[in-house]
Amino acid sequence: IPRIVQATQEQFVPQMINFESVAGV
């Protein structure tokens, strides 16, 4: 389950890091 930190802000659309598959969308 990903966690965005300062170094990765604005790098990913949610699906690029499985956000929808871990019930985040």
PDB file of all heavy atoms in Angstrom:
ATOM      1  N   ILE A   1       0.874  -1.172   0.000  1.00  0.00           N
ATOM      2  CA  ILE A   1       0.000   0.000   0.000  1.00  0.00           C
ATOM      3  C   ILE A   1       0.911   1.222   0.000  1.00  0.00           C
ATOM      4  O   ILE A   1       1.679   1.423   0.944  1.00  0.00           O
ATOM      5  CB  ILE A   1      -0.931   0.009   1.224  1.00  0.00           C
ATOM      6  CG1 ILE A   1      -1.828  -1.233   1.206  1.00  0.00           C
ATOM      7  CG2 ILE A   1      -1.780   1.280   1.241  1.00  0.00           C
ATOM      8  CD1 ILE A   1      -2.696  -1.383   2.444  1.00  0.00           C
ATOM      9  N   PRO A   2       0.865   2.031  -1.043  1.00  0.00           N
ATOM     10  CA  PRO A   2       1.829   3.123  -1.173  1.00  0.00           C
ATOM     11  C   PRO A   2       1.553   4.264  -0.204  1.00  0.00           C
ATOM     12  O   PRO A   2       0.444   4.445   0.285  1.00  0.00           O
ATOM     13  CB  PRO A   2       1.628   3.582  -2.622  1.00  0.00           C
ATOM     14  CG  PRO A   2       0.189   3.274  -2.900  1.00  0.00           C
ATOM     15  CD  PRO A   2      -0.093   1.993  -2.161  1.00  0.00           C
ATOM     16  N   ARG A   3       2.605   5.041   0.051  1.00  0.00           N
ATOM     17  CA  ARG A   3       2.489   6.276   0.819  1.00  0.00           C
ATOM     18  C   ARG A   3       3.293   7.348   0.092  1.00  0.00           C
ATOM     19  O   ARG A   3       4.490   7.185  -0.134  1.00  0.00           O
ATOM     20  CB  ARG A   3       2.995   6.082   2.260  1.00  0.00           C
ATOM     21  CG  ARG A   3       3.033   7.370   3.073  1.00  0.00           C
ATOM     22  CD  ARG A   3       3.218   7.099   4.577  1.00  0.00           C
ATOM     23  NE  ARG A   3       4.372   6.265   4.867  1.00  0.00           N
ATOM     24  CZ  ARG A   3       5.608   6.718   5.089  1.00  0.00           C
ATOM     25  NH1 ARG A   3       5.860   8.021   5.014  1.00  0.00           N
ATOM     26  NH2 ARG A   3       6.598   5.890   5.372  1.00  0.00           N
ATOM     27  N   ILE A   4       2.624   8.423  -0.270  1.00  0.00           N
ATOM     28  CA  ILE A   4       3.305   9.509  -0.971  1.00  0.00           C
ATOM     29  C   ILE A   4       4.164  10.290   0.021  1.00  0.00           C
ATOM     30  O   ILE A   4       3.724  10.638   1.121  1.00  0.00           O
ATOM     31  CB  ILE A   4       2.282  10.452  -1.633  1.00  0.00           C
ATOM     32  CG1 ILE A   4       1.469   9.705  -2.699  1.00  0.00           C
ATOM     33  CG2 ILE A   4       2.977  11.665  -2.245  1.00  0.00           C
ATOM     34  CD1 ILE A   4       2.276   9.180  -3.859  1.00  0.00           C
ATOM     35  N   VAL A   5       5.406  10.565  -0.377  1.00  0.00           N
ATOM     36  CA  VAL A   5       6.315  11.411   0.390  1.00  0.00           C
ATOM     37  C   VAL A   5       6.722  12.582  -0.502  1.00  0.00           C
ATOM     38  O   VAL A   5       6.353  12.648  -1.677  1.00  0.00           O
ATOM     39  CB  VAL A   5       7.552  10.622   0.871  1.00  0.00           C
ATOM     40  CG1 VAL A   5       7.146   9.470   1.775  1.00  0.00           C
ATOM     41  CG2 VAL A   5       8.348  10.088  -0.321  1.00  0.00           C
ATOM     42  N   GLN A   6       7.481  13.508   0.049  1.00  0.00           N
ATOM     43  CA  GLN A   6       7.825  14.711  -0.704  1.00  0.00           C
ATOM     44  C   GLN A   6       8.521  14.383  -2.027  1.00  0.00           C
ATOM     45  O   GLN A   6       8.267  15.018  -3.052  1.00  0.00           O
ATOM     46  CB  GLN A   6       8.703  15.622   0.149  1.00  0.00           C
ATOM     47  CG  GLN A   6       8.944  16.995  -0.448  1.00  0.00           C
ATOM     48  CD  GLN A   6       9.679  17.911   0.513  1.00  0.00           C
ATOM     49  OE1 GLN A   6      10.683  17.519   1.107  1.00  0.00           O
ATOM     50  NE2 GLN A   6       9.188  19.114   0.685  1.00  0.00           N
ATOM     51  N   ALA A   7       9.393  13.388  -2.018  1.00  0.00           N
ATOM     52  CA  ALA A   7      10.154  13.053  -3.218  1.00  0.00           C
ATOM     53  C   ALA A   7       9.304  12.452  -4.334  1.00  0.00           C
ATOM     54  O   ALA A   7       9.746  12.393  -5.484  1.00  0.00           O
ATOM     55  CB  ALA A   7      11.283  12.076  -2.857  1.00  0.00           C
ATOM     56  N   THR A   8       8.093  12.004  -4.010  1.00  0.00           N
ATOM     57  CA  THR A   8       7.248  11.380  -5.030  1.00  0.00           C
ATOM     58  C   THR A   8       5.959  12.164  -5.295  1.00  0.00           C
ATOM     59  O   THR A   8       5.070  11.669  -5.985  1.00  0.00           O
ATOM     60  CB  THR A   8       6.876   9.938  -4.630  1.00  0.00           C
ATOM     61  OG1 THR A   8       6.204   9.939  -3.363  1.00  0.00           O
ATOM     62  CG2 THR A   8       8.114   9.065  -4.543  1.00  0.00           C
ATOM     63  N   GLN A   9       5.851  13.371  -4.759  1.00  0.00           N
ATOM     64  CA  GLN A   9       4.671  14.184  -5.038  1.00  0.00           C
ATOM     65  C   GLN A   9       4.555  14.472  -6.531  1.00  0.00           C
ATOM     66  O   GLN A   9       5.546  14.755  -7.209  1.00  0.00           O
ATOM     67  CB  GLN A   9       4.746  15.512  -4.278  1.00  0.00           C
ATOM     68  CG  GLN A   9       4.412  15.416  -2.803  1.00  0.00           C
ATOM     69  CD  GLN A   9       4.343  16.786  -2.157  1.00  0.00           C
ATOM     70  OE1 GLN A   9       5.328  17.521  -2.156  1.00  0.00           O
ATOM     71  NE2 GLN A   9       3.190  17.132  -1.600  1.00  0.00           N
ATOM     72  N   GLU A  10       3.320  14.385  -7.042  1.00  0.00           N
ATOM     73  CA  GLU A  10       2.983  14.706  -8.432  1.00  0.00           C
ATOM     74  C   GLU A  10       3.675  13.792  -9.446  1.00  0.00           C
ATOM     75  O   GLU A  10       3.821  14.163 -10.612  1.00  0.00           O
ATOM     76  CB  GLU A  10       3.285  16.177  -8.737  1.00  0.00           C
ATOM     77  CG  GLU A  10       2.513  17.139  -7.831  1.00  0.00           C
ATOM     78  CD  GLU A  10       2.664  18.588  -8.234  1.00  0.00           C
ATOM     79  OE1 GLU A  10       1.865  19.039  -9.073  1.00  0.00           O
ATOM     80  OE2 GLU A  10       3.588  19.244  -7.712  1.00  0.00           O
ATOM     81  N   GLN A  11       4.065  12.606  -9.016  1.00  0.00           N
ATOM     82  CA  GLN A  11       4.705  11.654  -9.923  1.00  0.00           C
ATOM     83  C   GLN A  11       3.740  10.612 -10.471  1.00  0.00           C
ATOM     84  O   GLN A  11       3.968  10.082 -11.557  1.00  0.00           O
ATOM     85  CB  GLN A  11       5.858  10.936  -9.199  1.00  0.00           C
ATOM     86  CG  GLN A  11       6.997  11.837  -8.782  1.00  0.00           C
ATOM     87  CD  GLN A  11       7.706  12.454  -9.979  1.00  0.00           C
ATOM     88  OE1 GLN A  11       7.906  11.819 -11.004  1.00  0.00           O
ATOM     89  NE2 GLN A  11       8.080  13.723  -9.839  1.00  0.00           N
ATOM     90  N   PHE A  12       2.657  10.332  -9.735  1.00  0.00           N
ATOM     91  CA  PHE A  12       1.837   9.180 -10.084  1.00  0.00           C
ATOM     92  C   PHE A  12       0.361   9.531 -10.190  1.00  0.00           C
ATOM     93  O   PHE A  12      -0.204  10.168  -9.299  1.00  0.00           O
ATOM     94  CB  PHE A  12       1.968   8.080  -9.017  1.00  0.00           C
ATOM     95  CG  PHE A  12       3.372   7.773  -8.607  1.00  0.00           C
ATOM     96  CD1 PHE A  12       3.765   7.906  -7.274  1.00  0.00           C
ATOM     97  CD2 PHE A  12       4.309   7.347  -9.529  1.00  0.00           C
ATOM     98  CE1 PHE A  12       5.059   7.612  -6.880  1.00  0.00           C
ATOM     99  CE2 PHE A  12       5.609   7.055  -9.144  1.00  0.00           C
ATOM    100  CZ  PHE A  12       5.990   7.183  -7.825  1.00  0.00           C
ATOM    101  N   VAL A  13      -0.278   9.087 -11.269  1.00  0.00           N
ATOM    102  CA  VAL A  13      -1.726   8.949 -11.276  1.00  0.00           C
ATOM    103  C   VAL A  13      -2.038   7.775 -10.345  1.00  0.00           C
ATOM    104  O   VAL A  13      -1.253   6.815 -10.269  1.00  0.00           O
ATOM    105  CB  VAL A  13      -2.238   8.682 -12.709  1.00  0.00           C
ATOM    106  CG1 VAL A  13      -3.712   8.299 -12.720  1.00  0.00           C
ATOM    107  CG2 VAL A  13      -1.999   9.906 -13.578  1.00  0.00           C
ATOM    108  N   PRO A  14      -3.157   7.798  -9.597  1.00  0.00           N
ATOM    109  CA  PRO A  14      -3.401   6.754  -8.593  1.00  0.00           C
ATOM    110  C   PRO A  14      -3.193   5.322  -9.074  1.00  0.00           C
ATOM    111  O   PRO A  14      -2.596   4.498  -8.362  1.00  0.00           O
ATOM    112  CB  PRO A  14      -4.856   7.010  -8.179  1.00  0.00           C
ATOM    113  CG  PRO A  14      -5.014   8.485  -8.324  1.00  0.00           C
ATOM    114  CD  PRO A  14      -4.205   8.852  -9.540  1.00  0.00           C
ATOM    115  N   GLN A  15      -3.654   4.990 -10.276  1.00  0.00           N
ATOM    116  CA  GLN A  15      -3.544   3.603 -10.743  1.00  0.00           C
ATOM    117  C   GLN A  15      -2.100   3.170 -10.985  1.00  0.00           C
ATOM    118  O   GLN A  15      -1.806   1.979 -10.976  1.00  0.00           O
ATOM    119  CB  GLN A  15      -4.352   3.406 -12.033  1.00  0.00           C
ATOM    120  CG  GLN A  15      -5.853   3.530 -11.844  1.00  0.00           C
ATOM    121  CD  GLN A  15      -6.352   4.932 -12.120  1.00  0.00           C
ATOM    122  OE1 GLN A  15      -5.648   5.908 -11.885  1.00  0.00           O
ATOM    123  NE2 GLN A  15      -7.567   5.050 -12.634  1.00  0.00           N
ATOM    124  N   MET A  16      -1.198   4.116 -11.201  1.00  0.00           N
ATOM    125  CA  MET A  16       0.198   3.774 -11.433  1.00  0.00           C
ATOM    126  C   MET A  16       0.826   3.136 -10.199  1.00  0.00           C
ATOM    127  O   MET A  16       1.841   2.435 -10.303  1.00  0.00           O
ATOM    128  CB  MET A  16       0.986   5.015 -11.854  1.00  0.00           C
ATOM    129  CG  MET A  16       0.607   5.538 -13.227  1.00  0.00           C
ATOM    130  SD  MET A  16       1.237   7.212 -13.562  1.00  0.00           S
ATOM    131  CE  MET A  16       3.003   6.958 -13.496  1.00  0.00           C
ATOM    132  N   ILE A  17       0.227   3.379  -9.011  1.00  0.00           N
ATOM    133  CA  ILE A  17       0.737   2.756  -7.788  1.00  0.00           C
ATOM    134  C   ILE A  17      -0.370   1.939  -7.101  1.00  0.00           C
ATOM    135  O   ILE A  17      -0.402   1.802  -5.876  1.00  0.00           O
ATOM    136  CB  ILE A  17       1.355   3.795  -6.831  1.00  0.00           C
ATOM    137  CG1 ILE A  17       0.403   4.968  -6.569  1.00  0.00           C
ATOM    138  CG2 ILE A  17       2.681   4.291  -7.384  1.00  0.00           C
ATOM    139  CD1 ILE A  17       0.913   5.931  -5.509  1.00  0.00           C
ATOM    140  N   ASN A  18      -1.282   1.403  -7.929  1.00  0.00           N
ATOM    141  CA  ASN A  18      -2.301   0.430  -7.471  1.00  0.00           C
ATOM    142  C   ASN A  18      -3.297   1.008  -6.482  1.00  0.00           C
ATOM    143  O   ASN A  18      -3.917   0.275  -5.709  1.00  0.00           O
ATOM    144  CB  ASN A  18      -1.646  -0.805  -6.838  1.00  0.00           C
ATOM    145  CG  ASN A  18      -0.664  -1.494  -7.752  1.00  0.00           C
ATOM    146  OD1 ASN A  18      -0.511  -1.121  -8.905  1.00  0.00           O
ATOM    147  ND2 ASN A  18       0.010  -2.506  -7.235  1.00  0.00           N
ATOM    148  N   PHE A  19      -3.487   2.325  -6.502  1.00  0.00           N
ATOM    149  CA  PHE A  19      -4.332   2.951  -5.500  1.00  0.00           C
ATOM    150  C   PHE A  19      -5.763   2.435  -5.543  1.00  0.00           C
ATOM    151  O   PHE A  19      -6.411   2.268  -4.507  1.00  0.00           O
ATOM    152  CB  PHE A  19      -4.302   4.468  -5.689  1.00  0.00           C
ATOM    153  CG  PHE A  19      -4.182   5.245  -4.417  1.00  0.00           C
ATOM    154  CD1 PHE A  19      -2.999   5.230  -3.689  1.00  0.00           C
ATOM    155  CD2 PHE A  19      -5.228   5.994  -3.931  1.00  0.00           C
ATOM    156  CE1 PHE A  19      -2.875   5.935  -2.511  1.00  0.00           C
ATOM    157  CE2 PHE A  19      -5.118   6.716  -2.755  1.00  0.00           C
ATOM    158  CZ  PHE A  19      -3.936   6.685  -2.037  1.00  0.00           C
ATOM    159  N   GLU A  20      -6.257   2.181  -6.744  1.00  0.00           N
ATOM    160  CA  GLU A  20      -7.638   1.680  -6.861  1.00  0.00           C
ATOM    161  C   GLU A  20      -7.742   0.229  -6.406  1.00  0.00           C
ATOM    162  O   GLU A  20      -8.810  -0.205  -5.966  1.00  0.00           O
ATOM    163  CB  GLU A  20      -8.151   1.859  -8.302  1.00  0.00           C
ATOM    164  CG  GLU A  20      -7.830   0.741  -9.274  1.00  0.00           C
ATOM    165  CD  GLU A  20      -6.340   0.472  -9.510  1.00  0.00           C
ATOM    166  OE1 GLU A  20      -5.477   1.292  -9.149  1.00  0.00           O
ATOM    167  OE2 GLU A  20      -6.039  -0.582 -10.085  1.00  0.00           O
ATOM    168  N   SER A  21      -6.660  -0.518  -6.470  1.00  0.00           N
ATOM    169  CA  SER A  21      -6.677  -1.928  -6.080  1.00  0.00           C
ATOM    170  C   SER A  21      -6.546  -2.127  -4.574  1.00  0.00           C
ATOM    171  O   SER A  21      -6.748  -3.235  -4.075  1.00  0.00           O
ATOM    172  CB  SER A  21      -5.544  -2.684  -6.798  1.00  0.00           C
ATOM    173  OG  SER A  21      -5.776  -2.720  -8.195  1.00  0.00           O
ATOM    174  N   VAL A  22      -6.205  -1.078  -3.858  1.00  0.00           N
ATOM    175  CA  VAL A  22      -6.138  -1.142  -2.386  1.00  0.00           C
ATOM    176  C   VAL A  22      -7.203  -0.238  -1.771  1.00  0.00           C
ATOM    177  O   VAL A  22      -7.048   0.277  -0.663  1.00  0.00           O
ATOM    178  CB  VAL A  22      -4.727  -0.793  -1.861  1.00  0.00           C
ATOM    179  CG1 VAL A  22      -3.748  -1.903  -2.226  1.00  0.00           C
ATOM    180  CG2 VAL A  22      -4.243   0.555  -2.399  1.00  0.00           C
ATOM    181  N   ALA A  23      -8.306  -0.047  -2.526  1.00  0.00           N
ATOM    182  CA  ALA A  23      -9.504   0.670  -2.048  1.00  0.00           C
ATOM    183  C   ALA A  23      -9.228   2.122  -1.705  1.00  0.00           C
ATOM    184  O   ALA A  23      -9.777   2.662  -0.740  1.00  0.00           O
ATOM    185  CB  ALA A  23     -10.122  -0.056  -0.852  1.00  0.00           C
ATOM    186  N   GLY A  24      -8.385   2.779  -2.512  1.00  0.00           N
ATOM    187  CA  GLY A  24      -8.092   4.181  -2.289  1.00  0.00           C
ATOM    188  C   GLY A  24      -8.822   5.130  -3.221  1.00  0.00           C
ATOM    189  O   GLY A  24      -8.675   6.342  -3.110  1.00  0.00           O
ATOM    190  N   VAL A  25      -9.603   4.574  -4.163  1.00  0.00           N
ATOM    191  CA  VAL A  25     -10.347   5.389  -5.128  1.00  0.00           C
ATOM    192  C   VAL A  25     -11.781   4.893  -5.186  1.00  0.00           C
ATOM    193  O   VAL A  25     -12.029   3.684  -5.277  1.00  0.00           O
ATOM    194  CB  VAL A  25      -9.727   5.324  -6.537  1.00  0.00           C
ATOM    195  CG1 VAL A  25     -10.516   6.205  -7.507  1.00  0.00           C
ATOM    196  CG2 VAL A  25      -8.266   5.729  -6.517  1.00  0.00           C
TER     197      VAL A  25
END
